[in-house]
PDB file of N, CA and C in Angstrom:
ATOM      1  N   UNK A   1     -54.586  53.240   4.253  1.00  0.00           N
ATOM      2  CA  UNK A   1     -55.950  53.474   3.090  1.00  0.00           C
ATOM      3  C   UNK A   1     -55.960  52.887   2.272  1.00  0.00           C
ATOM      4  N   UNK A   2     -57.053  52.639   1.807  1.00  0.00           N
ATOM      5  CA  UNK A   2     -57.192  52.045   0.556  1.00  0.00           C
ATOM      6  C   UNK A   2     -57.842  52.837  -0.440  1.00  0.00           C
ATOM      7  N   UNK A   3     -57.115  52.708  -1.582  1.00  0.00           N
ATOM      8  CA  UNK A   3     -57.195  53.810  -2.815  1.00  0.00           C
ATOM      9  C   UNK A   3     -57.901  52.855  -4.316  1.00  0.00           C
ATOM     10  N   UNK A   4     -59.095  52.696  -4.463  1.00  0.00           N
ATOM     11  CA  UNK A   4     -59.147  52.229  -5.570  1.00  0.00           C
ATOM     12  C   UNK A   4     -59.838  53.392  -6.162  1.00  0.00           C
ATOM     13  N   UNK A   5     -59.305  52.455  -8.046  1.00  0.00           N
ATOM     14  CA  UNK A   5     -59.704  52.861  -9.037  1.00  0.00           C
ATOM     15  C   UNK A   5     -60.507  52.274 -10.367  1.00  0.00           C
ATOM     16  N   UNK A   6     -61.808  52.536 -10.533  1.00  0.00           N
ATOM     17  CA  UNK A   6     -62.306  51.626 -11.628  1.00  0.00           C
ATOM     18  C   UNK A   6     -62.840  52.463 -13.204  1.00  0.00           C
ATOM     19  N   UNK A   7     -62.560  51.880 -14.219  1.00  0.00           N
ATOM     20  CA  UNK A   7     -62.862  52.399 -15.190  1.00  0.00           C
ATOM     21  C   UNK A   7     -64.092  51.285 -15.717  1.00  0.00           C
ATOM     22  N   UNK A   8     -65.303  52.108 -16.175  1.00  0.00           N
ATOM     23  CA  UNK A   8     -66.743  51.405 -16.297  1.00  0.00           C
ATOM     24  C   UNK A   8     -66.663  51.949 -17.904  1.00  0.00           C
ATOM     25  N   UNK A   9     -66.686  50.560 -18.801  1.00  0.00           N
ATOM     26  CA  UNK A   9     -67.309  51.050 -20.069  1.00  0.00           C
ATOM     27  C   UNK A   9     -68.462  50.669 -20.534  1.00  0.00           C
ATOM     28  N   UNK A  10     -69.446  51.826 -20.537  1.00  0.00           N
ATOM     29  CA  UNK A  10     -70.720  52.117 -20.366  1.00  0.00           C
ATOM     30  C   UNK A  10     -71.226  51.839 -21.735  1.00  0.00           C
ATOM     31  N   UNK A  11     -72.690  51.138 -22.229  1.00  0.00           N
ATOM     32  CA  UNK A  11     -73.628  50.995 -23.465  1.00  0.00           C
ATOM     33  C   UNK A  11     -73.641  52.506 -23.556  1.00  0.00           C
ATOM     34  N   UNK A  12     -73.693  53.293 -25.006  1.00  0.00           N
ATOM     35  CA  UNK A  12     -73.755  54.046 -25.147  1.00  0.00           C
ATOM     36  C   UNK A  12     -75.893  54.531 -24.914  1.00  0.00           C
ATOM     37  N   UNK A  13     -75.882  53.665 -25.011  1.00  0.00           N
ATOM     38  CA  UNK A  13     -77.542  54.087 -24.490  1.00  0.00           C
ATOM     39  C   UNK A  13     -77.940  54.515 -23.554  1.00  0.00           C
ATOM     40  N   UNK A  14     -76.952  54.099 -22.549  1.00  0.00           N
ATOM     41  CA  UNK A  14     -76.782  54.407 -21.139  1.00  0.00           C
ATOM     42  C   UNK A  14     -76.107  55.520 -20.386  1.00  0.00           C
ATOM     43  N   UNK A  15     -75.387  55.790 -21.564  1.00  0.00           N
ATOM     44  CA  UNK A  15     -73.887  57.063 -21.135  1.00  0.00           C
ATOM     45  C   UNK A  15     -74.947  58.506 -20.463  1.00  0.00           C
ATOM     46  N   UNK A  16     -76.507  59.027 -20.938  1.00  0.00           N
ATOM     47  CA  UNK A  16     -76.475  59.856 -20.285  1.00  0.00           C
ATOM     48  C   UNK A  16     -77.188  59.672 -18.671  1.00  0.00           C
ATOM     49  N   UNK A  17     -77.729  58.219 -18.487  1.00  0.00           N
ATOM     50  CA  UNK A  17     -78.573  57.949 -17.532  1.00  0.00           C
ATOM     51  C   UNK A  17     -77.740  57.201 -16.544  1.00  0.00           C
ATOM     52  N   UNK A  18     -76.319  57.076 -16.625  1.00  0.00           N
ATOM     53  CA  UNK A  18     -75.748  55.800 -15.822  1.00  0.00           C
ATOM     54  C   UNK A  18     -75.650  56.515 -14.249  1.00  0.00           C
ATOM     55  N   UNK A  19     -75.189  57.756 -14.496  1.00  0.00           N
ATOM     56  CA  UNK A  19     -74.756  58.260 -13.003  1.00  0.00           C
ATOM     57  C   UNK A  19     -76.040  58.208 -12.186  1.00  0.00           C
ATOM     58  N   UNK A  20     -77.073  58.553 -12.897  1.00  0.00           N
ATOM     59  CA  UNK A  20     -78.411  59.277 -12.275  1.00  0.00           C
ATOM     60  C   UNK A  20     -78.916  57.654 -11.710  1.00  0.00           C
ATOM     61  N   UNK A  21     -79.030  56.459 -12.366  1.00  0.00           N
ATOM     62  CA  UNK A  21     -79.471  55.578 -12.429  1.00  0.00           C
ATOM     63  C   UNK A  21     -78.731  54.763 -10.923  1.00  0.00           C
ATOM     64  N   UNK A  22     -77.181  55.272 -10.676  1.00  0.00           N
ATOM     65  CA  UNK A  22     -76.636  54.872  -9.306  1.00  0.00           C
ATOM     66  C   UNK A  22     -76.804  55.627  -8.361  1.00  0.00           C
ATOM     67  N   UNK A  23     -77.371  56.820  -8.454  1.00  0.00           N
ATOM     68  CA  UNK A  23     -77.490  57.874  -7.052  1.00  0.00           C
ATOM     69  C   UNK A  23     -77.766  57.053  -5.551  1.00  0.00           C
ATOM     70  N   UNK A  24     -78.968  55.953  -6.046  1.00  0.00           N
ATOM     71  CA  UNK A  24     -79.196  55.543  -4.575  1.00  0.00           C
ATOM     72  C   UNK A  24     -77.863  54.951  -3.966  1.00  0.00           C
ATOM     73  N   UNK A  25     -77.352  54.016  -4.787  1.00  0.00           N
ATOM     74  CA  UNK A  25     -75.815  53.019  -3.914  1.00  0.00           C
ATOM     75  C   UNK A  25     -74.895  53.823  -3.897  1.00  0.00           C
ATOM     76  N   UNK A  26     -74.303  55.110  -4.454  1.00  0.00           N
ATOM     77  CA  UNK A  26     -73.507  55.922  -4.519  1.00  0.00           C
ATOM     78  C   UNK A  26     -73.800  56.640  -3.328  1.00  0.00           C
ATOM     79  N   UNK A  27     -74.907  57.194  -2.758  1.00  0.00           N
ATOM     80  CA  UNK A  27     -75.308  57.517  -1.395  1.00  0.00           C
ATOM     81  C   UNK A  27     -75.071  56.792  -0.379  1.00  0.00           C
ATOM     82  N   UNK A  28     -75.041  55.600  -0.376  1.00  0.00           N
ATOM     83  CA  UNK A  28     -75.355  54.548   0.547  1.00  0.00           C
ATOM     84  C   UNK A  28     -73.703  54.258   0.752  1.00  0.00           C
ATOM     85  N   UNK A  29     -72.877  54.171  -0.271  1.00  0.00           N
ATOM     86  CA  UNK A  29     -71.645  53.748  -0.383  1.00  0.00           C
ATOM     87  C   UNK A  29     -71.059  55.072   0.370  1.00  0.00           C
ATOM     88  N   UNK A  30     -71.500  56.150   0.043  1.00  0.00           N
ATOM     89  CA  UNK A  30     -70.781  57.448   0.756  1.00  0.00           C
ATOM     90  C   UNK A  30     -70.937  57.788   1.998  1.00  0.00           C
ATOM     91  N   UNK A  31     -72.004  56.951   2.898  1.00  0.00           N
ATOM     92  CA  UNK A  31     -72.585  57.217   4.187  1.00  0.00           C
ATOM     93  C   UNK A  31     -72.010  55.903   5.003  1.00  0.00           C
ATOM     94  N   UNK A  32     -71.327  55.445   3.869  1.00  0.00           N
ATOM     95  CA  UNK A  32     -70.492  54.024   4.753  1.00  0.00           C
ATOM     96  C   UNK A  32     -69.472  54.634   6.036  1.00  0.00           C
ATOM     97  N   UNK A  33     -69.640  54.388   7.445  1.00  0.00           N
ATOM     98  CA  UNK A  33     -68.358  54.793   8.409  1.00  0.00           C
ATOM     99  C   UNK A  33     -66.952  54.958   7.816  1.00  0.00           C
ATOM    100  N   UNK A  34     -66.289  53.785   7.044  1.00  0.00           N
ATOM    101  CA  UNK A  34     -65.357  54.078   6.934  1.00  0.00           C
ATOM    102  C   UNK A  34     -64.719  54.857   5.365  1.00  0.00           C
ATOM    103  N   UNK A  35     -65.559  55.250   4.897  1.00  0.00           N
ATOM    104  CA  UNK A  35     -65.645  55.571   3.401  1.00  0.00           C
ATOM    105  C   UNK A  35     -65.311  57.221   3.539  1.00  0.00           C
ATOM    106  N   UNK A  36     -64.056  57.296   2.765  1.00  0.00           N
ATOM    107  CA  UNK A  36     -63.334  58.958   2.681  1.00  0.00           C
ATOM    108  C   UNK A  36     -64.062  59.327   1.501  1.00  0.00           C
ATOM    109  N   UNK A  37     -63.789  58.762   0.588  1.00  0.00           N
ATOM    110  CA  UNK A  37     -64.717  59.325  -0.687  1.00  0.00           C
ATOM    111  C   UNK A  37     -65.105  58.142  -1.559  1.00  0.00           C
ATOM    112  N   UNK A  38     -65.952  58.688  -2.726  1.00  0.00           N
ATOM    113  CA  UNK A  38     -66.292  57.864  -3.807  1.00  0.00           C
ATOM    114  C   UNK A  38     -67.072  58.617  -4.473  1.00  0.00           C
ATOM    115  N   UNK A  39     -66.281  58.596  -5.945  1.00  0.00           N
ATOM    116  CA  UNK A  39     -66.278  60.022  -6.591  1.00  0.00           C
ATOM    117  C   UNK A  39     -66.247  59.252  -7.978  1.00  0.00           C
ATOM    118  N   UNK A  40     -67.348  59.852  -8.984  1.00  0.00           N
ATOM    119  CA  UNK A  40     -67.579  59.187 -10.066  1.00  0.00           C
ATOM    120  C   UNK A  40     -67.056  60.563 -10.999  1.00  0.00           C
ATOM    121  N   UNK A  41     -66.426  60.130 -12.046  1.00  0.00           N
ATOM    122  CA  UNK A  41     -65.988  61.086 -13.454  1.00  0.00           C
ATOM    123  C   UNK A  41     -66.591  60.611 -14.693  1.00  0.00           C
ATOM    124  N   UNK A  42     -66.710  61.414 -15.507  1.00  0.00           N
ATOM    125  CA  UNK A  42     -66.754  61.027 -16.909  1.00  0.00           C
ATOM    126  C   UNK A  42     -65.281  61.384 -17.995  1.00  0.00           C
ATOM    127  N   UNK A  43     -65.416  60.291 -18.560  1.00  0.00           N
ATOM    128  CA  UNK A  43     -63.919  60.285 -19.195  1.00  0.00           C
ATOM    129  C   UNK A  43     -64.560  61.720 -20.613  1.00  0.00           C
ATOM    130  N   UNK A  44     -63.339  62.418 -20.347  1.00  0.00           N
ATOM    131  CA  UNK A  44     -63.461  63.504 -21.084  1.00  0.00           C
ATOM    132  C   UNK A  44     -63.305  63.468 -22.436  1.00  0.00           C
ATOM    133  N   UNK A  45     -62.299  62.466 -22.722  1.00  0.00           N
ATOM    134  CA  UNK A  45     -62.391  61.561 -24.453  1.00  0.00           C
ATOM    135  C   UNK A  45     -63.488  60.573 -24.891  1.00  0.00           C
ATOM    136  N   UNK A  46     -63.670  60.051 -24.073  1.00  0.00           N
ATOM    137  CA  UNK A  46     -64.718  59.112 -24.536  1.00  0.00           C
ATOM    138  C   UNK A  46     -66.165  59.064 -23.512  1.00  0.00           C
ATOM    139  N   UNK A  47     -67.015  59.325 -23.662  1.00  0.00           N
ATOM    140  CA  UNK A  47     -68.499  59.737 -22.975  1.00  0.00           C
ATOM    141  C   UNK A  47     -69.153  58.425 -22.725  1.00  0.00           C
ATOM    142  N   UNK A  48     -68.858  57.586 -23.316  1.00  0.00           N
ATOM    143  CA  UNK A  48     -69.192  55.983 -22.743  1.00  0.00           C
ATOM    144  C   UNK A  48     -68.181  55.717 -21.507  1.00  0.00           C
ATOM    145  N   UNK A  49     -67.866  56.216 -20.999  1.00  0.00           N
ATOM    146  CA  UNK A  49     -66.396  55.710 -19.800  1.00  0.00           C
ATOM    147  C   UNK A  49     -66.591  56.515 -18.833  1.00  0.00           C
ATOM    148  N   UNK A  50     -66.883  55.741 -17.366  1.00  0.00           N
ATOM    149  CA  UNK A  50     -67.131  56.765 -16.569  1.00  0.00           C
ATOM    150  C   UNK A  50     -66.053  55.810 -15.401  1.00  0.00           C
ATOM    151  N   UNK A  51     -65.213  56.780 -14.562  1.00  0.00           N
ATOM    152  CA  UNK A  51     -64.215  56.665 -13.915  1.00  0.00           C
ATOM    153  C   UNK A  51     -64.757  56.831 -11.995  1.00  0.00           C
ATOM    154  N   UNK A  52     -64.446  55.455 -11.265  1.00  0.00           N
ATOM    155  CA  UNK A  52     -65.045  55.986 -10.032  1.00  0.00           C
ATOM    156  C   UNK A  52     -63.534  55.616  -9.105  1.00  0.00           C
ATOM    157  N   UNK A  53     -63.373  56.849  -8.254  1.00  0.00           N
ATOM    158  CA  UNK A  53     -62.231  56.798  -7.180  1.00  0.00           C
ATOM    159  C   UNK A  53     -62.922  56.357  -5.736  1.00  0.00           C
ATOM    160  N   UNK A  54     -62.443  55.304  -4.944  1.00  0.00           N
ATOM    161  CA  UNK A  54     -63.064  54.984  -3.796  1.00  0.00           C
ATOM    162  C   UNK A  54     -61.763  55.262  -2.988  1.00  0.00           C
ATOM    163  N   UNK A  55     -61.935  55.666  -1.805  1.00  0.00           N
ATOM    164  CA  UNK A  55     -61.220  55.877  -0.620  1.00  0.00           C
ATOM    165  C   UNK A  55     -61.896  55.405   0.624  1.00  0.00           C
ATOM    166  N   UNK A  56     -60.922  54.393   1.493  1.00  0.00           N
ATOM    167  CA  UNK A  56     -61.352  53.937   2.828  1.00  0.00           C
ATOM    168  C   UNK A  56     -60.278  53.862   3.631  1.00  0.00           C
ATOM    169  N   UNK A  57     -60.622  54.037   4.865  1.00  0.00           N
ATOM    170  CA  UNK A  57     -59.817  54.180   5.901  1.00  0.00           C
ATOM    171  C   UNK A  57     -58.982  53.330   5.797  1.00  0.00           C
ATOM    172  N   UNK A  58     -59.078  51.961   5.560  1.00  0.00           N
ATOM    173  CA  UNK A  58     -58.121  50.812   5.743  1.00  0.00           C
ATOM    174  C   UNK A  58     -58.813  49.642   5.135  1.00  0.00           C
ATOM    175  N   UNK A  59     -58.044  48.464   5.530  1.00  0.00           N
ATOM    176  CA  UNK A  59     -58.454  47.489   4.351  1.00  0.00           C
ATOM    177  C   UNK A  59     -60.147  47.188   5.285  1.00  0.00           C
ATOM    178  N   UNK A  60     -59.885  47.326   6.420  1.00  0.00           N
ATOM    179  CA  UNK A  60     -61.605  46.588   6.863  1.00  0.00           C
ATOM    180  C   UNK A  60     -62.655  47.185   6.806  1.00  0.00           C
ATOM    181  N   UNK A  61     -62.171  48.650   6.134  1.00  0.00           N
ATOM    182  CA  UNK A  61     -63.259  49.487   5.752  1.00  0.00           C
ATOM    183  C   UNK A  61     -63.711  49.067   4.315  1.00  0.00           C
ATOM    184  N   UNK A  62     -62.444  49.021   3.678  1.00  0.00           N
ATOM    185  CA  UNK A  62     -63.333  48.175   1.785  1.00  0.00           C
ATOM    186  C   UNK A  62     -63.866  47.081   2.220  1.00  0.00           C
ATOM    187  N   UNK A  63     -63.187  46.229   3.091  1.00  0.00           N
ATOM    188  CA  UNK A  63     -64.554  44.438   3.364  1.00  0.00           C
ATOM    189  C   UNK A  63     -65.454  45.199   3.872  1.00  0.00           C
ATOM    190  N   UNK A  64     -65.696  45.848   4.593  1.00  0.00           N
ATOM    191  CA  UNK A  64     -67.249  46.455   5.490  1.00  0.00           C
ATOM    192  C   UNK A  64     -67.721  46.893   4.128  1.00  0.00           C
ATOM    193  N   UNK A  65     -67.081  47.432   3.090  1.00  0.00           N
ATOM    194  CA  UNK A  65     -68.112  48.079   1.864  1.00  0.00           C
ATOM    195  C   UNK A  65     -68.132  46.997   0.830  1.00  0.00           C
ATOM    196  N   UNK A  66     -67.386  45.776   0.311  1.00  0.00           N
ATOM    197  CA  UNK A  66     -67.695  44.349  -0.049  1.00  0.00           C
ATOM    198  C   UNK A  66     -68.735  43.821   0.583  1.00  0.00           C
ATOM    199  N   UNK A  67     -68.931  43.724   2.169  1.00  0.00           N
ATOM    200  CA  UNK A  67     -70.013  42.998   2.287  1.00  0.00           C
ATOM    201  C   UNK A  67     -71.335  43.477   2.601  1.00  0.00           C
ATOM    202  N   UNK A  68     -71.479  44.953   2.252  1.00  0.00           N
ATOM    203  CA  UNK A  68     -72.524  45.656   2.804  1.00  0.00           C
ATOM    204  C   UNK A  68     -73.805  45.578   1.987  1.00  0.00           C
ATOM    205  N   UNK A  69     -74.689  45.348   2.411  1.00  0.00           N
ATOM    206  CA  UNK A  69     -76.304  45.093   2.037  1.00  0.00           C
ATOM    207  C   UNK A  69     -76.143  45.620   0.743  1.00  0.00           C
ATOM    208  N   UNK A  70     -75.792  46.894   0.079  1.00  0.00           N
ATOM    209  CA  UNK A  70     -76.383  47.641  -0.716  1.00  0.00           C
ATOM    210  C   UNK A  70     -75.023  47.366  -2.118  1.00  0.00           C
ATOM    211  N   UNK A  71     -73.894  46.490  -1.794  1.00  0.00           N
ATOM    212  CA  UNK A  71     -72.406  46.283  -2.769  1.00  0.00           C
ATOM    213  C   UNK A  71     -73.117  45.468  -3.759  1.00  0.00           C
ATOM    214  N   UNK A  72     -73.865  44.144  -3.442  1.00  0.00           N
ATOM    215  CA  UNK A  72     -74.367  43.476  -4.471  1.00  0.00           C
ATOM    216  C   UNK A  72     -75.489  43.695  -5.498  1.00  0.00           C
ATOM    217  N   UNK A  73     -76.695  44.588  -4.549  1.00  0.00           N
ATOM    218  CA  UNK A  73     -77.504  45.145  -5.988  1.00  0.00           C
ATOM    219  C   UNK A  73     -76.930  45.997  -6.427  1.00  0.00           C
ATOM    220  N   UNK A  74     -75.907  47.346  -6.172  1.00  0.00           N
ATOM    221  CA  UNK A  74     -75.441  47.796  -7.077  1.00  0.00           C
ATOM    222  C   UNK A  74     -74.479  47.552  -7.934  1.00  0.00           C
ATOM    223  N   UNK A  75     -73.738  46.106  -7.869  1.00  0.00           N
ATOM    224  CA  UNK A  75     -73.364  45.791  -9.043  1.00  0.00           C
ATOM    225  C   UNK A  75     -74.371  45.224  -9.943  1.00  0.00           C
ATOM    226  N   UNK A  76     -75.408  44.387  -9.573  1.00  0.00           N
ATOM    227  CA  UNK A  76     -76.375  44.112 -10.528  1.00  0.00           C
ATOM    228  C   UNK A  76     -77.156  45.353 -11.134  1.00  0.00           C
ATOM    229  N   UNK A  77     -77.028  46.686 -10.831  1.00  0.00           N
ATOM    230  CA  UNK A  77     -78.090  47.301 -11.658  1.00  0.00           C
ATOM    231  C   UNK A  77     -76.979  47.978 -12.261  1.00  0.00           C
ATOM    232  N   UNK A  78     -75.751  47.725 -12.337  1.00  0.00           N
ATOM    233  CA  UNK A  78     -74.701  48.236 -13.324  1.00  0.00           C
ATOM    234  C   UNK A  78     -74.760  46.983 -14.504  1.00  0.00           C
ATOM    235  N   UNK A  79     -74.878  46.271 -14.415  1.00  0.00           N
ATOM    236  CA  UNK A  79     -74.267  44.960 -14.674  1.00  0.00           C
ATOM    237  C   UNK A  79     -74.967  44.958 -16.495  1.00  0.00           C
ATOM    238  N   UNK A  80     -76.191  45.149 -16.672  1.00  0.00           N
ATOM    239  CA  UNK A  80     -76.794  45.691 -18.266  1.00  0.00           C
ATOM    240  C   UNK A  80     -76.478  47.002 -18.411  1.00  0.00           C
ATOM    241  N   UNK A  81     -76.206  48.127 -18.285  1.00  0.00           N
ATOM    242  CA  UNK A  81     -75.424  49.027 -18.737  1.00  0.00           C
ATOM    243  C   UNK A  81     -73.931  48.891 -19.331  1.00  0.00           C
ATOM    244  N   UNK A  82     -73.346  47.990 -18.745  1.00  0.00           N
ATOM    245  CA  UNK A  82     -72.182  47.812 -18.992  1.00  0.00           C
ATOM    246  C   UNK A  82     -71.736  47.133 -20.371  1.00  0.00           C
ATOM    247  N   UNK A  83     -70.444  47.818 -21.190  1.00  0.00           N
ATOM    248  CA  UNK A  83     -69.937  47.072 -22.417  1.00  0.00           C
ATOM    249  C   UNK A  83     -68.923  46.298 -22.271  1.00  0.00           C
ATOM    250  N   UNK A  84     -68.271  46.051 -21.181  1.00  0.00           N
ATOM    251  CA  UNK A  84     -67.398  45.192 -21.302  1.00  0.00           C
ATOM    252  C   UNK A  84     -67.052  45.442 -19.588  1.00  0.00           C
ATOM    253  N   UNK A  85     -66.333  44.222 -19.210  1.00  0.00           N
ATOM    254  CA  UNK A  85     -65.520  44.123 -17.801  1.00  0.00           C
ATOM    255  C   UNK A  85     -65.116  45.552 -17.214  1.00  0.00           C
ATOM    256  N   UNK A  86     -65.631  45.951 -16.201  1.00  0.00           N
ATOM    257  CA  UNK A  86     -64.721  47.250 -15.663  1.00  0.00           C
ATOM    258  C   UNK A  86     -63.293  46.753 -15.342  1.00  0.00           C
ATOM    259  N   UNK A  87     -62.455  47.421 -15.593  1.00  0.00           N
ATOM    260  CA  UNK A  87     -60.815  47.232 -15.185  1.00  0.00           C
ATOM    261  C   UNK A  87     -60.639  48.383 -14.163  1.00  0.00           C
ATOM    262  N   UNK A  88     -59.624  47.390 -13.044  1.00  0.00           N
ATOM    263  CA  UNK A  88     -59.742  48.134 -11.421  1.00  0.00           C
ATOM    264  C   UNK A  88     -58.070  48.207 -11.357  1.00  0.00           C
ATOM    265  N   UNK A  89     -57.858  48.985 -10.511  1.00  0.00           N
ATOM    266  CA  UNK A  89     -56.332  49.314  -9.906  1.00  0.00           C
ATOM    267  C   UNK A  89     -56.561  49.828  -8.147  1.00  0.00           C
ATOM    268  N   UNK A  90     -56.656  48.755  -7.509  1.00  0.00           N
ATOM    269  CA  UNK A  90     -56.656  48.748  -6.250  1.00  0.00           C
ATOM    270  C   UNK A  90     -55.341  49.002  -5.462  1.00  0.00           C
ATOM    271  N   UNK A  91     -55.251  50.057  -4.391  1.00  0.00           N
ATOM    272  CA  UNK A  91     -53.796  49.963  -3.394  1.00  0.00           C
ATOM    273  C   UNK A  91     -54.130  50.253  -2.182  1.00  0.00           C
ATOM    274  N   UNK A  92     -53.420  49.444  -1.724  1.00  0.00           N
ATOM    275  CA  UNK A  92     -53.355  49.512  -0.108  1.00  0.00           C
ATOM    276  C   UNK A  92     -52.260  50.308   0.192  1.00  0.00           C
ATOM    277  N   UNK A  93     -52.522  51.551   0.696  1.00  0.00           N
ATOM    278  CA  UNK A  93     -51.535  52.318   1.350  1.00  0.00           C
ATOM    279  C   UNK A  93     -51.503  52.541   2.812  1.00  0.00           C
ATOM    280  N   UNK A  94     -50.635  51.766   3.367  1.00  0.00           N
ATOM    281  CA  UNK A  94     -51.094  51.587   5.026  1.00  0.00           C
ATOM    282  C   UNK A  94     -50.132  52.601   5.781  1.00  0.00           C
ATOM    283  N   UNK A  95     -49.862  53.642   5.215  1.00  0.00           N
ATOM    284  CA  UNK A  95     -48.517  54.888   6.023  1.00  0.00           C
ATOM    285  C   UNK A  95     -49.750  56.124   5.578  1.00  0.00           C
ATOM    286  N   UNK A  96     -50.563  56.055   4.585  1.00  0.00           N
ATOM    287  CA  UNK A  96     -51.408  57.055   4.222  1.00  0.00           C
ATOM    288  C   UNK A  96     -52.769  57.267   4.868  1.00  0.00           C
ATOM    289  N   UNK A  97     -53.340  58.433   5.110  1.00  0.00           N
ATOM    290  CA  UNK A  97     -54.854  58.802   5.927  1.00  0.00           C
ATOM    291  C   UNK A  97     -55.539  59.978   5.332  1.00  0.00           C
ATOM    292  N   UNK A  98     -54.739  60.304   3.920  1.00  0.00           N
ATOM    293  CA  UNK A  98     -55.868  61.013   3.502  1.00  0.00           C
ATOM    294  C   UNK A  98     -55.013  62.303   2.027  1.00  0.00           C
ATOM    295  N   UNK A  99     -55.361  63.143   1.754  1.00  0.00           N
ATOM    296  CA  UNK A  99     -54.617  63.809   0.510  1.00  0.00           C
ATOM    297  C   UNK A  99     -54.012  64.923   1.192  1.00  0.00           C
ATOM    298  N   UNK A 100     -52.717  64.756   0.291  1.00  0.00           N
ATOM    299  CA  UNK A 100     -51.586  65.844   0.564  1.00  0.00           C
ATOM    300  C   UNK A 100     -51.856  67.167  -0.535  1.00  0.00           C
ATOM    301  N   UNK A 101     -51.341  67.845  -0.783  1.00  0.00           N
ATOM    302  CA  UNK A 101     -51.832  69.290  -1.247  1.00  0.00           C
ATOM    303  C   UNK A 101     -50.240  68.998  -2.251  1.00  0.00           C
ATOM    304  N   UNK A 102     -50.566  69.188  -3.599  1.00  0.00           N
ATOM    305  CA  UNK A 102     -49.982  69.133  -4.895  1.00  0.00           C
ATOM    306  C   UNK A 102     -48.678  69.737  -4.759  1.00  0.00           C
ATOM    307  N   UNK A 103     -47.609  69.348  -4.267  1.00  0.00           N
ATOM    308  CA  UNK A 103     -46.122  70.076  -4.190  1.00  0.00           C
ATOM    309  C   UNK A 103     -45.785  71.028  -5.514  1.00  0.00           C
ATOM    310  N   UNK A 104     -46.506  70.306  -6.699  1.00  0.00           N
ATOM    311  CA  UNK A 104     -46.068  70.933  -8.435  1.00  0.00           C
ATOM    312  C   UNK A 104     -47.003  71.963  -8.661  1.00  0.00           C
ATOM    313  N   UNK A 105     -48.107  72.314  -7.800  1.00  0.00           N
ATOM    314  CA  UNK A 105     -48.871  73.018  -7.930  1.00  0.00           C
ATOM    315  C   UNK A 105     -49.562  74.005  -6.818  1.00  0.00           C
ATOM    316  N   UNK A 106     -48.916  74.657  -6.066  1.00  0.00           N
ATOM    317  CA  UNK A 106     -49.338  74.718  -4.842  1.00  0.00           C
ATOM    318  C   UNK A 106     -49.464  76.226  -5.293  1.00  0.00           C
ATOM    319  N   UNK A 107     -50.998  76.749  -4.327  1.00  0.00           N
ATOM    320  CA  UNK A 107     -51.722  77.918  -4.463  1.00  0.00           C
ATOM    321  C   UNK A 107     -51.742  78.595  -3.286  1.00  0.00           C
ATOM    322  N   UNK A 108     -51.236  79.729  -3.178  1.00  0.00           N
ATOM    323  CA  UNK A 108     -50.824  80.457  -1.650  1.00  0.00           C
ATOM    324  C   UNK A 108     -51.368  81.506  -1.806  1.00  0.00           C
TER     325      UNK A 108
END
């Protein structure tokens, strides 16, 4: 399983429209066969920063995502809205297949 987390610093004038501008590309990624999740969140401490968490079944699915027809256009749509280069964490977790229950906060 591939897990990617990216921090996107957005120019203040785009912070209220950033996610809606990316709705079409977000839906395209979510429909990719190897996509497990593709979830956006807004930083509670910085309204001009958005976090994206992506999950793919394996490295091949991640490569398919990067080579998809909608990948580059999505990046180019973001470019004028960004205040700086996004920061990324990429993890290849070959033994993992999805989410586990949080052991420290079980609800039975």
